[in-house]
Amino acid sequence: MSLTPANPAPPPSGGAFASPGPRHGATILGVEGLTLGADERAFLRDADPWGFILFARNVADPAQLARLTADLREAVGRDAVVMVDQEGGRVQRLTAPHWTDWPAAMDSAADGARAVALRHRLMGQELRAVGIDADAAPCLDVADAETHPFLRNRCFGTDTDTVARMGRAAADGLMAAGVLPIVKHMPGHGRARVDSHHDLPVLDVALDALDARDFAPFRALADLPLGMTAHIRLTALDDRPATASPAAIALIRERIGFGGLLMSDDIGMNALSGTPAERAAAAIAAGCDLVLVCNLTRAEFAAVAEAAGPMSEAAAARATAALARRGPPDDADPAALRAELDALTRRA
């Protein structure tokens, strides 16, 4: 029972769904609740985001969630990506009793790479079953003793080799389940001493030191289709958060070598300054392909969608390449995978 990802394949078209193109909005948007009202459907049709992100406020049970993901795609008339933060530990939006409560990345890594791959294969199956086909994982940040608690156990480890190896196992498991992994937080958030939800972490570290440690896992997984920026400032580059820094985005593209579709972290986080629309415009101007917008008012969502504008031609090409890797799940037997995982964790 291999966890090797299925061969790249076009996403299921659903018949009436159009292929992605540059006129889709350069956004991934959150939605308000468990269902879509007529006014929210109309807003989403007009805003035409490239994809959607879901949170606990959108999740009740499998039947409701499957209806919501179908309704989101119907609202924009295509097989748009629907993503979620399902890392395990504190960061998982689908929880018991309807879904498995998975361990945090650092705890999962203690059981070895095969266990990490199995957990993410099974996690991906749970996501795909309700219409979610992208996961904001794996986290490739390298932790140290002083990494802020909001992030530390979400990292797979404290050395680059472990993080890269476990990150690859997690990504392979998700892709085998037909779920696109989103590597985060580029170019590396592990040295953060404050929570970027509230403050801007400042990394006063030489680029060579960052290159050897923080950038290394992202370089090792630079072939993956989707990535997310970090709201951190690298003093070796400039005085801007990486999400809004052309120099930082160039570093992600050139020094790390990431060629996939790059989204911002949530622009509602307080590490960024300015209005939501100003933050969105700055991220796009810096070179982000997409702006991630999670928890704002409808008016702010509308202002962000207008500020972000349509996807650029280059972003649309990267989006098409990413979607081409959204293949069907493999034919592994979930019961057998879970039995193997149980055996591994009993031995551990």
Foldseek 3Di string as FASTA:
>chain_A
DDLFFDDQAFPDWVPFADAFAQQAFQAAEEDDAQADDPVNLQLCCVLRHQYYEYALRNDDALVSLLVRLVSSCVSNRTLHAYEYAPQADPGHNDDPPRDDRHHAQQVQCVLPLLLLLLVLLRVLLVQVSSSHAEYADDELAAADPQFAPVCHSNANYNFNVSRLSNRVSNQSSNSLQLHAYEYDAPPHRRVFNDDQLEAEGEDADDPVVCLRTRNRSCLSVLVGAHYEHDQYHYVNFPDHGLLLALRRVVCCCPVSNRQHQYEYDALNGNNDDDQLLVSLLSNVVSPHQHYYHYDDDPVSVVSNSVSSGTGDRSNSVRVSVNSSSSDHHDPDDSVVSVVVSVVSVVVD
